[in-house]
ModelCIF file with pLDDT and N, C-alpha, C, O atoms, coordinates in Angstrom:
data_MODEL
#
_entry.id   MODEL 
#
_entity.id                         1 
_entity.type                       polymer 
_entity.pdbx_number_of_molecules   1 
#
_entity_poly.entity_id                      1 
_entity_poly.type                           'polypeptide(L)' 
_entity_poly.nstd_linkage                   no 
_entity_poly.nstd_monomer                   no 
_entity_poly.pdbx_seq_one_letter_code       YNLDTDTLSRGNLPGVKHKTFLTAEDCFELGKIAYTEADYYHTELW 
_entity_poly.pdbx_seq_one_letter_code_can   YNLDTDTLSRGNLPGVKHKTFLTAEDCFELGKIAYTEADYYHTELW 
_entity_poly.pdbx_strand_id                 A 
#
loop_
_entity_poly_seq.entity_id 
_entity_poly_seq.num 
_entity_poly_seq.mon_id 
_entity_poly_seq.hetero 
1 1  TYR n 
1 2  ASN n 
1 3  LEU n 
1 4  ASP n 
1 5  THR n 
1 6  ASP n 
1 7  THR n 
1 8  LEU n 
1 9  SER n 
1 10 ARG n 
1 11 GLY n 
1 12 ASN n 
1 13 LEU n 
1 14 PRO n 
1 15 GLY n 
1 16 VAL n 
1 17 LYS n 
1 18 HIS n 
1 19 LYS n 
1 20 THR n 
1 21 PHE n 
1 22 LEU n 
1 23 THR n 
1 24 ALA n 
1 25 GLU n 
1 26 ASP n 
1 27 CYS n 
1 28 PHE n 
1 29 GLU n 
1 30 LEU n 
1 31 GLY n 
1 32 LYS n 
1 33 ILE n 
1 34 ALA n 
1 35 TYR n 
1 36 THR n 
1 37 GLU n 
1 38 ALA n 
1 39 ASP n 
1 40 TYR n 
1 41 TYR n 
1 42 HIS n 
1 43 THR n 
1 44 GLU n 
1 45 LEU n 
1 46 TRP n 
#
_struct_asym.id          A 
_struct_asym.entity_id   1 
#
loop_
_ma_qa_metric.id 
_ma_qa_metric.mode 
_ma_qa_metric.name 
_ma_qa_metric.software_group_id 
_ma_qa_metric.type 
1 global pLDDT . pLDDT 
2 local  pLDDT . pLDDT 
#
_ma_qa_metric_global.metric_id      1 
_ma_qa_metric_global.metric_value   87.59 
_ma_qa_metric_global.model_id       1 
_ma_qa_metric_global.ordinal_id     1 
#
loop_
_ma_qa_metric_local.label_asym_id 
_ma_qa_metric_local.label_comp_id 
_ma_qa_metric_local.label_seq_id 
_ma_qa_metric_local.metric_id 
_ma_qa_metric_local.metric_value 
_ma_qa_metric_local.model_id 
_ma_qa_metric_local.ordinal_id 
A TYR 1  2 87.00 1 1  
A ASN 2  2 88.00 1 2  
A LEU 3  2 88.00 1 3  
A ASP 4  2 89.00 1 4  
A THR 5  2 92.00 1 5  
A ASP 6  2 91.00 1 6  
A THR 7  2 87.00 1 7  
A LEU 8  2 87.00 1 8  
A SER 9  2 88.00 1 9  
A ARG 10 2 86.00 1 10 
A GLY 11 2 82.00 1 11 
A ASN 12 2 79.00 1 12 
A LEU 13 2 76.00 1 13 
A PRO 14 2 73.00 1 14 
A GLY 15 2 74.00 1 15 
A VAL 16 2 71.00 1 16 
A LYS 17 2 69.00 1 17 
A HIS 18 2 65.00 1 18 
A LYS 19 2 75.00 1 19 
A THR 20 2 76.00 1 20 
A PHE 21 2 85.00 1 21 
A LEU 22 2 89.00 1 22 
A THR 23 2 91.00 1 23 
A ALA 24 2 93.00 1 24 
A GLU 25 2 91.00 1 25 
A ASP 26 2 91.00 1 26 
A CYS 27 2 93.00 1 27 
A PHE 28 2 95.00 1 28 
A GLU 29 2 91.00 1 29 
A LEU 30 2 92.00 1 30 
A GLY 31 2 94.00 1 31 
A LYS 32 2 93.00 1 32 
A ILE 33 2 92.00 1 33 
A ALA 34 2 93.00 1 34 
A TYR 35 2 94.00 1 35 
A THR 36 2 92.00 1 36 
A GLU 37 2 89.00 1 37 
A ALA 38 2 91.00 1 38 
A ASP 39 2 92.00 1 39 
A TYR 40 2 94.00 1 40 
A TYR 41 2 94.00 1 41 
A HIS 42 2 95.00 1 42 
A THR 43 2 95.00 1 43 
A GLU 44 2 96.00 1 44 
A LEU 45 2 96.00 1 45 
A TRP 46 2 95.00 1 46 
#
loop_
_atom_site.group_PDB 
_atom_site.id 
_atom_site.type_symbol 
_atom_site.label_atom_id 
_atom_site.label_alt_id 
_atom_site.label_comp_id 
_atom_site.label_asym_id 
_atom_site.label_entity_id 
_atom_site.label_seq_id 
_atom_site.pdbx_PDB_ins_code 
_atom_site.Cartn_x 
_atom_site.Cartn_y 
_atom_site.Cartn_z 
_atom_site.occupancy 
_atom_site.B_iso_or_equiv 
_atom_site.pdbx_formal_charge 
_atom_site.auth_seq_id 
_atom_site.auth_comp_id 
_atom_site.auth_asym_id 
_atom_site.auth_atom_id 
_atom_site.pdbx_PDB_model_num 
ATOM 1   N N  . TYR A 1 1  ? 103.357 99.009 85.750  1.00 87.00 ? 1  TYR A N  1 
ATOM 2   C CA . TYR A 1 1  ? 105.185 99.555 85.775  1.00 87.00 ? 1  TYR A CA 1 
ATOM 3   C C  . TYR A 1 1  ? 105.518 99.215 84.919  1.00 87.00 ? 1  TYR A C  1 
ATOM 4   O O  . TYR A 1 1  ? 106.734 99.296 85.089  1.00 87.00 ? 1  TYR A O  1 
ATOM 5   N N  . ASN A 1 2  ? 105.316 98.686 83.609  1.00 88.00 ? 2  ASN A N  1 
ATOM 6   C CA . ASN A 1 2  ? 105.836 98.808 82.395  1.00 88.00 ? 2  ASN A CA 1 
ATOM 7   C C  . ASN A 1 2  ? 106.375 97.246 82.936  1.00 88.00 ? 2  ASN A C  1 
ATOM 8   O O  . ASN A 1 2  ? 107.595 97.096 82.878  1.00 88.00 ? 2  ASN A O  1 
ATOM 9   N N  . LEU A 1 3  ? 105.858 96.498 83.269  1.00 88.00 ? 3  LEU A N  1 
ATOM 10  C CA . LEU A 1 3  ? 106.593 94.447 83.836  1.00 88.00 ? 3  LEU A CA 1 
ATOM 11  C C  . LEU A 1 3  ? 106.827 94.381 82.277  1.00 88.00 ? 3  LEU A C  1 
ATOM 12  O O  . LEU A 1 3  ? 106.340 95.160 81.459  1.00 88.00 ? 3  LEU A O  1 
ATOM 13  N N  . ASP A 1 4  ? 107.796 93.137 81.968  1.00 89.00 ? 4  ASP A N  1 
ATOM 14  C CA . ASP A 1 4  ? 107.581 92.664 80.632  1.00 89.00 ? 4  ASP A CA 1 
ATOM 15  C C  . ASP A 1 4  ? 107.407 90.729 81.507  1.00 89.00 ? 4  ASP A C  1 
ATOM 16  O O  . ASP A 1 4  ? 107.817 90.286 82.580  1.00 89.00 ? 4  ASP A O  1 
ATOM 17  N N  . THR A 1 5  ? 106.692 90.162 80.472  1.00 92.00 ? 5  THR A N  1 
ATOM 18  C CA . THR A 1 5  ? 105.961 89.069 80.921  1.00 92.00 ? 5  THR A CA 1 
ATOM 19  C C  . THR A 1 5  ? 107.284 87.614 82.073  1.00 92.00 ? 5  THR A C  1 
ATOM 20  O O  . THR A 1 5  ? 107.151 86.671 82.853  1.00 92.00 ? 5  THR A O  1 
ATOM 21  N N  . ASP A 1 6  ? 108.425 88.429 81.367  1.00 91.00 ? 6  ASP A N  1 
ATOM 22  C CA . ASP A 1 6  ? 109.429 87.451 82.019  1.00 91.00 ? 6  ASP A CA 1 
ATOM 23  C C  . ASP A 1 6  ? 110.374 87.608 83.398  1.00 91.00 ? 6  ASP A C  1 
ATOM 24  O O  . ASP A 1 6  ? 111.086 86.730 83.887  1.00 91.00 ? 6  ASP A O  1 
ATOM 25  N N  . THR A 1 7  ? 110.160 89.079 83.919  1.00 87.00 ? 7  THR A N  1 
ATOM 26  C CA . THR A 1 7  ? 110.225 89.503 85.027  1.00 87.00 ? 7  THR A CA 1 
ATOM 27  C C  . THR A 1 7  ? 109.140 88.194 85.985  1.00 87.00 ? 7  THR A C  1 
ATOM 28  O O  . THR A 1 7  ? 109.418 87.177 86.621  1.00 87.00 ? 7  THR A O  1 
ATOM 29  N N  . LEU A 1 8  ? 108.310 88.656 85.765  1.00 87.00 ? 8  LEU A N  1 
ATOM 30  C CA . LEU A 1 8  ? 106.943 89.095 85.931  1.00 87.00 ? 8  LEU A CA 1 
ATOM 31  C C  . LEU A 1 8  ? 107.548 87.643 86.576  1.00 87.00 ? 8  LEU A C  1 
ATOM 32  O O  . LEU A 1 8  ? 108.085 87.429 87.663  1.00 87.00 ? 8  LEU A O  1 
ATOM 33  N N  . SER A 1 9  ? 107.219 86.700 85.396  1.00 88.00 ? 9  SER A N  1 
ATOM 34  C CA . SER A 1 9  ? 107.819 84.883 84.600  1.00 88.00 ? 9  SER A CA 1 
ATOM 35  C C  . SER A 1 9  ? 108.516 84.307 85.830  1.00 88.00 ? 9  SER A C  1 
ATOM 36  O O  . SER A 1 9  ? 108.538 83.123 86.165  1.00 88.00 ? 9  SER A O  1 
ATOM 37  N N  . ARG A 1 10 ? 109.415 85.959 86.807  1.00 86.00 ? 10 ARG A N  1 
ATOM 38  C CA . ARG A 1 10 ? 110.582 85.388 86.858  1.00 86.00 ? 10 ARG A CA 1 
ATOM 39  C C  . ARG A 1 10 ? 110.326 85.530 89.202  1.00 86.00 ? 10 ARG A C  1 
ATOM 40  O O  . ARG A 1 10 ? 110.942 85.087 90.171  1.00 86.00 ? 10 ARG A O  1 
ATOM 41  N N  . GLY A 1 11 ? 109.570 86.058 89.067  1.00 82.00 ? 11 GLY A N  1 
ATOM 42  C CA . GLY A 1 11 ? 109.329 86.878 90.812  1.00 82.00 ? 11 GLY A CA 1 
ATOM 43  C C  . GLY A 1 11 ? 110.224 87.771 91.146  1.00 82.00 ? 11 GLY A C  1 
ATOM 44  O O  . GLY A 1 11 ? 110.351 88.075 92.332  1.00 82.00 ? 11 GLY A O  1 
ATOM 45  N N  . ASN A 1 12 ? 111.201 88.496 89.920  1.00 79.00 ? 12 ASN A N  1 
ATOM 46  C CA . ASN A 1 12 ? 111.570 89.356 90.441  1.00 79.00 ? 12 ASN A CA 1 
ATOM 47  C C  . ASN A 1 12 ? 111.147 90.864 90.411  1.00 79.00 ? 12 ASN A C  1 
ATOM 48  O O  . ASN A 1 12 ? 111.390 91.888 89.774  1.00 79.00 ? 12 ASN A O  1 
ATOM 49  N N  . LEU A 1 13 ? 110.420 90.452 91.402  1.00 76.00 ? 13 LEU A N  1 
ATOM 50  C CA . LEU A 1 13 ? 109.527 92.492 91.558  1.00 76.00 ? 13 LEU A CA 1 
ATOM 51  C C  . LEU A 1 13 ? 111.217 92.706 92.803  1.00 76.00 ? 13 LEU A C  1 
ATOM 52  O O  . LEU A 1 13 ? 112.109 91.958 93.203  1.00 76.00 ? 13 LEU A O  1 
ATOM 53  N N  . PRO A 1 14 ? 110.839 94.164 92.974  1.00 73.00 ? 14 PRO A N  1 
ATOM 54  C CA . PRO A 1 14 ? 111.879 95.261 94.276  1.00 73.00 ? 14 PRO A CA 1 
ATOM 55  C C  . PRO A 1 14 ? 110.163 94.770 94.686  1.00 73.00 ? 14 PRO A C  1 
ATOM 56  O O  . PRO A 1 14 ? 109.023 94.611 94.247  1.00 73.00 ? 14 PRO A O  1 
ATOM 57  N N  . GLY A 1 15 ? 111.082 94.692 95.914  1.00 74.00 ? 15 GLY A N  1 
ATOM 58  C CA . GLY A 1 15 ? 110.813 94.617 97.843  1.00 74.00 ? 15 GLY A CA 1 
ATOM 59  C C  . GLY A 1 15 ? 110.189 93.604 97.894  1.00 74.00 ? 15 GLY A C  1 
ATOM 60  O O  . GLY A 1 15 ? 109.390 93.737 98.820  1.00 74.00 ? 15 GLY A O  1 
ATOM 61  N N  . VAL A 1 16 ? 110.027 92.221 97.231  1.00 71.00 ? 16 VAL A N  1 
ATOM 62  C CA . VAL A 1 16 ? 108.864 91.519 97.400  1.00 71.00 ? 16 VAL A CA 1 
ATOM 63  C C  . VAL A 1 16 ? 109.742 91.159 97.906  1.00 71.00 ? 16 VAL A C  1 
ATOM 64  O O  . VAL A 1 16 ? 110.847 91.406 97.422  1.00 71.00 ? 16 VAL A O  1 
ATOM 65  N N  . LYS A 1 17 ? 109.540 89.979 99.817  1.00 69.00 ? 17 LYS A N  1 
ATOM 66  C CA . LYS A 1 17 ? 109.717 88.464 100.849 1.00 69.00 ? 17 LYS A CA 1 
ATOM 67  C C  . LYS A 1 17 ? 110.715 88.059 100.313 1.00 69.00 ? 17 LYS A C  1 
ATOM 68  O O  . LYS A 1 17 ? 111.943 88.076 100.229 1.00 69.00 ? 17 LYS A O  1 
ATOM 69  N N  . HIS A 1 18 ? 108.907 87.338 99.658  1.00 65.00 ? 18 HIS A N  1 
ATOM 70  C CA . HIS A 1 18 ? 108.887 85.973 98.969  1.00 65.00 ? 18 HIS A CA 1 
ATOM 71  C C  . HIS A 1 18 ? 109.174 85.989 97.404  1.00 65.00 ? 18 HIS A C  1 
ATOM 72  O O  . HIS A 1 18 ? 108.495 86.711 96.673  1.00 65.00 ? 18 HIS A O  1 
ATOM 73  N N  . LYS A 1 19 ? 110.515 84.924 96.741  1.00 75.00 ? 19 LYS A N  1 
ATOM 74  C CA . LYS A 1 19 ? 110.027 85.096 95.886  1.00 75.00 ? 19 LYS A CA 1 
ATOM 75  C C  . LYS A 1 19 ? 109.414 84.345 95.062  1.00 75.00 ? 19 LYS A C  1 
ATOM 76  O O  . LYS A 1 19 ? 109.954 83.258 95.269  1.00 75.00 ? 19 LYS A O  1 
ATOM 77  N N  . THR A 1 20 ? 108.539 84.166 94.153  1.00 76.00 ? 20 THR A N  1 
ATOM 78  C CA . THR A 1 20 ? 108.164 82.601 93.682  1.00 76.00 ? 20 THR A CA 1 
ATOM 79  C C  . THR A 1 20 ? 108.468 83.099 92.001  1.00 76.00 ? 20 THR A C  1 
ATOM 80  O O  . THR A 1 20 ? 109.298 83.868 91.516  1.00 76.00 ? 20 THR A O  1 
ATOM 81  N N  . PHE A 1 21 ? 107.312 82.216 91.368  1.00 85.00 ? 21 PHE A N  1 
ATOM 82  C CA . PHE A 1 21 ? 108.215 82.450 89.690  1.00 85.00 ? 21 PHE A CA 1 
ATOM 83  C C  . PHE A 1 21 ? 106.958 81.380 89.196  1.00 85.00 ? 21 PHE A C  1 
ATOM 84  O O  . PHE A 1 21 ? 106.429 80.473 89.839  1.00 85.00 ? 21 PHE A O  1 
ATOM 85  N N  . LEU A 1 22 ? 106.791 81.682 88.305  1.00 89.00 ? 22 LEU A N  1 
ATOM 86  C CA . LEU A 1 22 ? 105.276 80.868 87.179  1.00 89.00 ? 22 LEU A CA 1 
ATOM 87  C C  . LEU A 1 22 ? 106.116 79.846 86.574  1.00 89.00 ? 22 LEU A C  1 
ATOM 88  O O  . LEU A 1 22 ? 107.289 79.656 86.255  1.00 89.00 ? 22 LEU A O  1 
ATOM 89  N N  . THR A 1 23 ? 104.504 79.038 86.558  1.00 91.00 ? 23 THR A N  1 
ATOM 90  C CA . THR A 1 23 ? 105.346 77.972 85.419  1.00 91.00 ? 23 THR A CA 1 
ATOM 91  C C  . THR A 1 23 ? 104.332 77.688 83.970  1.00 91.00 ? 23 THR A C  1 
ATOM 92  O O  . THR A 1 23 ? 103.127 77.734 83.725  1.00 91.00 ? 23 THR A O  1 
ATOM 93  N N  . ALA A 1 24 ? 105.603 77.372 83.202  1.00 93.00 ? 24 ALA A N  1 
ATOM 94  C CA . ALA A 1 24 ? 104.124 77.274 81.955  1.00 93.00 ? 24 ALA A CA 1 
ATOM 95  C C  . ALA A 1 24 ? 102.696 77.080 81.278  1.00 93.00 ? 24 ALA A C  1 
ATOM 96  O O  . ALA A 1 24 ? 102.161 77.267 80.185  1.00 93.00 ? 24 ALA A O  1 
ATOM 97  N N  . GLU A 1 25 ? 102.295 76.460 82.904  1.00 91.00 ? 25 GLU A N  1 
ATOM 98  C CA . GLU A 1 25 ? 101.385 75.967 82.821  1.00 91.00 ? 25 GLU A CA 1 
ATOM 99  C C  . GLU A 1 25 ? 100.092 77.548 84.040  1.00 91.00 ? 25 GLU A C  1 
ATOM 100 O O  . GLU A 1 25 ? 98.877  77.744 84.016  1.00 91.00 ? 25 GLU A O  1 
ATOM 101 N N  . ASP A 1 26 ? 101.044 78.131 84.727  1.00 91.00 ? 26 ASP A N  1 
ATOM 102 C CA . ASP A 1 26 ? 100.593 78.986 84.707  1.00 91.00 ? 26 ASP A CA 1 
ATOM 103 C C  . ASP A 1 26 ? 100.694 80.787 83.876  1.00 91.00 ? 26 ASP A C  1 
ATOM 104 O O  . ASP A 1 26 ? 99.907  81.713 83.677  1.00 91.00 ? 26 ASP A O  1 
ATOM 105 N N  . CYS A 1 27 ? 101.891 80.545 83.658  1.00 93.00 ? 27 CYS A N  1 
ATOM 106 C CA . CYS A 1 27 ? 101.742 81.410 82.342  1.00 93.00 ? 27 CYS A CA 1 
ATOM 107 C C  . CYS A 1 27 ? 100.356 81.607 81.293  1.00 93.00 ? 27 CYS A C  1 
ATOM 108 O O  . CYS A 1 27 ? 99.551  82.519 81.105  1.00 93.00 ? 27 CYS A O  1 
ATOM 109 N N  . PHE A 1 28 ? 100.601 79.950 80.619  1.00 95.00 ? 28 PHE A N  1 
ATOM 110 C CA . PHE A 1 28 ? 99.795  79.690 79.747  1.00 95.00 ? 28 PHE A CA 1 
ATOM 111 C C  . PHE A 1 28 ? 98.379  80.091 80.230  1.00 95.00 ? 28 PHE A C  1 
ATOM 112 O O  . PHE A 1 28 ? 97.770  80.858 79.484  1.00 95.00 ? 28 PHE A O  1 
ATOM 113 N N  . GLU A 1 29 ? 97.499  79.514 81.858  1.00 91.00 ? 29 GLU A N  1 
ATOM 114 C CA . GLU A 1 29 ? 96.251  79.789 82.327  1.00 91.00 ? 29 GLU A CA 1 
ATOM 115 C C  . GLU A 1 29 ? 96.232  81.797 82.535  1.00 91.00 ? 29 GLU A C  1 
ATOM 116 O O  . GLU A 1 29 ? 95.061  82.173 82.497  1.00 91.00 ? 29 GLU A O  1 
ATOM 117 N N  . LEU A 1 30 ? 97.137  82.883 82.708  1.00 92.00 ? 30 LEU A N  1 
ATOM 118 C CA . LEU A 1 30 ? 97.537  83.525 82.382  1.00 92.00 ? 30 LEU A CA 1 
ATOM 119 C C  . LEU A 1 30 ? 97.018  84.238 81.284  1.00 92.00 ? 30 LEU A C  1 
ATOM 120 O O  . LEU A 1 30 ? 95.910  84.760 81.406  1.00 92.00 ? 30 LEU A O  1 
ATOM 121 N N  . GLY A 1 31 ? 97.948  84.391 79.722  1.00 94.00 ? 31 GLY A N  1 
ATOM 122 C CA . GLY A 1 31 ? 96.684  83.371 78.804  1.00 94.00 ? 31 GLY A CA 1 
ATOM 123 C C  . GLY A 1 31 ? 95.489  83.531 77.885  1.00 94.00 ? 31 GLY A C  1 
ATOM 124 O O  . GLY A 1 31 ? 95.171  84.238 76.928  1.00 94.00 ? 31 GLY A O  1 
ATOM 125 N N  . LYS A 1 32 ? 94.721  82.078 78.962  1.00 93.00 ? 32 LYS A N  1 
ATOM 126 C CA . LYS A 1 32 ? 93.705  81.465 78.673  1.00 93.00 ? 32 LYS A CA 1 
ATOM 127 C C  . LYS A 1 32 ? 92.936  82.682 78.926  1.00 93.00 ? 32 LYS A C  1 
ATOM 128 O O  . LYS A 1 32 ? 91.948  82.933 78.236  1.00 93.00 ? 32 LYS A O  1 
ATOM 129 N N  . ILE A 1 33 ? 93.442  83.700 80.164  1.00 92.00 ? 33 ILE A N  1 
ATOM 130 C CA . ILE A 1 33 ? 92.212  84.495 80.356  1.00 92.00 ? 33 ILE A CA 1 
ATOM 131 C C  . ILE A 1 33 ? 92.173  85.445 79.939  1.00 92.00 ? 33 ILE A C  1 
ATOM 132 O O  . ILE A 1 33 ? 91.058  85.727 79.501  1.00 92.00 ? 33 ILE A O  1 
ATOM 133 N N  . ALA A 1 34 ? 93.499  86.778 79.747  1.00 93.00 ? 34 ALA A N  1 
ATOM 134 C CA . ALA A 1 34 ? 92.726  87.518 79.161  1.00 93.00 ? 34 ALA A CA 1 
ATOM 135 C C  . ALA A 1 34 ? 92.591  86.861 76.922  1.00 93.00 ? 34 ALA A C  1 
ATOM 136 O O  . ALA A 1 34 ? 92.448  87.430 75.840  1.00 93.00 ? 34 ALA A O  1 
ATOM 137 N N  . TYR A 1 35 ? 92.771  85.334 77.457  1.00 94.00 ? 35 TYR A N  1 
ATOM 138 C CA . TYR A 1 35 ? 91.605  85.255 76.204  1.00 94.00 ? 35 TYR A CA 1 
ATOM 139 C C  . TYR A 1 35 ? 90.003  85.208 75.969  1.00 94.00 ? 35 TYR A C  1 
ATOM 140 O O  . TYR A 1 35 ? 89.462  85.481 74.897  1.00 94.00 ? 35 TYR A O  1 
ATOM 141 N N  . THR A 1 36 ? 89.543  84.936 76.790  1.00 92.00 ? 36 THR A N  1 
ATOM 142 C CA . THR A 1 36 ? 88.203  84.856 77.434  1.00 92.00 ? 36 THR A CA 1 
ATOM 143 C C  . THR A 1 36 ? 87.231  86.280 77.059  1.00 92.00 ? 36 THR A C  1 
ATOM 144 O O  . THR A 1 36 ? 86.165  86.443 76.465  1.00 92.00 ? 36 THR A O  1 
ATOM 145 N N  . GLU A 1 37 ? 88.189  87.166 77.728  1.00 89.00 ? 37 GLU A N  1 
ATOM 146 C CA . GLU A 1 37 ? 88.216  89.134 77.694  1.00 89.00 ? 37 GLU A CA 1 
ATOM 147 C C  . GLU A 1 37 ? 88.712  89.804 76.456  1.00 89.00 ? 37 GLU A C  1 
ATOM 148 O O  . GLU A 1 37 ? 88.994  90.978 76.217  1.00 89.00 ? 37 GLU A O  1 
ATOM 149 N N  . ALA A 1 38 ? 88.741  88.420 75.546  1.00 91.00 ? 38 ALA A N  1 
ATOM 150 C CA . ALA A 1 38 ? 89.069  89.558 73.901  1.00 91.00 ? 38 ALA A CA 1 
ATOM 151 C C  . ALA A 1 38 ? 90.486  89.709 74.387  1.00 91.00 ? 38 ALA A C  1 
ATOM 152 O O  . ALA A 1 38 ? 91.341  89.121 73.724  1.00 91.00 ? 38 ALA A O  1 
ATOM 153 N N  . ASP A 1 39 ? 90.940  90.521 75.614  1.00 92.00 ? 39 ASP A N  1 
ATOM 154 C CA . ASP A 1 39 ? 92.059  90.770 75.125  1.00 92.00 ? 39 ASP A CA 1 
ATOM 155 C C  . ASP A 1 39 ? 93.476  90.012 74.694  1.00 92.00 ? 39 ASP A C  1 
ATOM 156 O O  . ASP A 1 39 ? 94.171  89.157 75.243  1.00 92.00 ? 39 ASP A O  1 
ATOM 157 N N  . TYR A 1 40 ? 93.580  90.888 73.192  1.00 94.00 ? 40 TYR A N  1 
ATOM 158 C CA . TYR A 1 40 ? 94.503  89.602 72.648  1.00 94.00 ? 40 TYR A CA 1 
ATOM 159 C C  . TYR A 1 40 ? 95.986  90.497 72.541  1.00 94.00 ? 40 TYR A C  1 
ATOM 160 O O  . TYR A 1 40 ? 96.662  90.336 71.525  1.00 94.00 ? 40 TYR A O  1 
ATOM 161 N N  . TYR A 1 41 ? 96.348  91.203 73.344  1.00 94.00 ? 41 TYR A N  1 
ATOM 162 C CA . TYR A 1 41 ? 97.243  92.050 73.976  1.00 94.00 ? 41 TYR A CA 1 
ATOM 163 C C  . TYR A 1 41 ? 97.788  90.498 74.855  1.00 94.00 ? 41 TYR A C  1 
ATOM 164 O O  . TYR A 1 41 ? 98.207  89.417 74.441  1.00 94.00 ? 41 TYR A O  1 
ATOM 165 N N  . HIS A 1 42 ? 97.527  91.057 76.225  1.00 95.00 ? 42 HIS A N  1 
ATOM 166 C CA . HIS A 1 42 ? 98.152  90.078 77.308  1.00 95.00 ? 42 HIS A CA 1 
ATOM 167 C C  . HIS A 1 42 ? 97.929  88.574 76.630  1.00 95.00 ? 42 HIS A C  1 
ATOM 168 O O  . HIS A 1 42 ? 98.852  87.835 76.972  1.00 95.00 ? 42 HIS A O  1 
ATOM 169 N N  . THR A 1 43 ? 96.990  87.931 75.786  1.00 95.00 ? 43 THR A N  1 
ATOM 170 C CA . THR A 1 43 ? 97.316  86.179 75.914  1.00 95.00 ? 43 THR A CA 1 
ATOM 171 C C  . THR A 1 43 ? 98.231  86.581 73.885  1.00 95.00 ? 43 THR A C  1 
ATOM 172 O O  . THR A 1 43 ? 97.409  86.364 72.994  1.00 95.00 ? 43 THR A O  1 
ATOM 173 N N  . GLU A 1 44 ? 98.766  86.763 73.683  1.00 96.00 ? 44 GLU A N  1 
ATOM 174 C CA . GLU A 1 44 ? 99.822  87.063 73.349  1.00 96.00 ? 44 GLU A CA 1 
ATOM 175 C C  . GLU A 1 44 ? 101.061 86.818 73.829  1.00 96.00 ? 44 GLU A C  1 
ATOM 176 O O  . GLU A 1 44 ? 101.768 85.927 73.360  1.00 96.00 ? 44 GLU A O  1 
ATOM 177 N N  . LEU A 1 45 ? 101.578 87.909 75.208  1.00 96.00 ? 45 LEU A N  1 
ATOM 178 C CA . LEU A 1 45 ? 102.022 88.136 75.639  1.00 96.00 ? 45 LEU A CA 1 
ATOM 179 C C  . LEU A 1 45 ? 102.184 87.417 77.454  1.00 96.00 ? 45 LEU A C  1 
ATOM 180 O O  . LEU A 1 45 ? 103.273 87.405 78.029  1.00 96.00 ? 45 LEU A O  1 
ATOM 181 N N  . TRP A 1 46 ? 101.596 87.172 77.746  1.00 95.00 ? 46 TRP A N  1 
ATOM 182 C CA . TRP A 1 46 ? 101.493 85.113 77.843  1.00 95.00 ? 46 TRP A CA 1 
ATOM 183 C C  . TRP A 1 46 ? 101.658 83.852 77.581  1.00 95.00 ? 46 TRP A C  1 
ATOM 184 O O  . TRP A 1 46 ? 101.136 82.998 78.298  1.00 95.00 ? 46 TRP A O  1 
#
């Protein structure tokens, strides 16, 4: 859906009922998981 990391992190998704946000620790965890998959593109983003 071509979403940028800031939009996802702030929980600003269309049509959602219960808005929530990602902490810096959550973003770090997403980056680590991408890193373990050698997915350096998403590692950099998160």
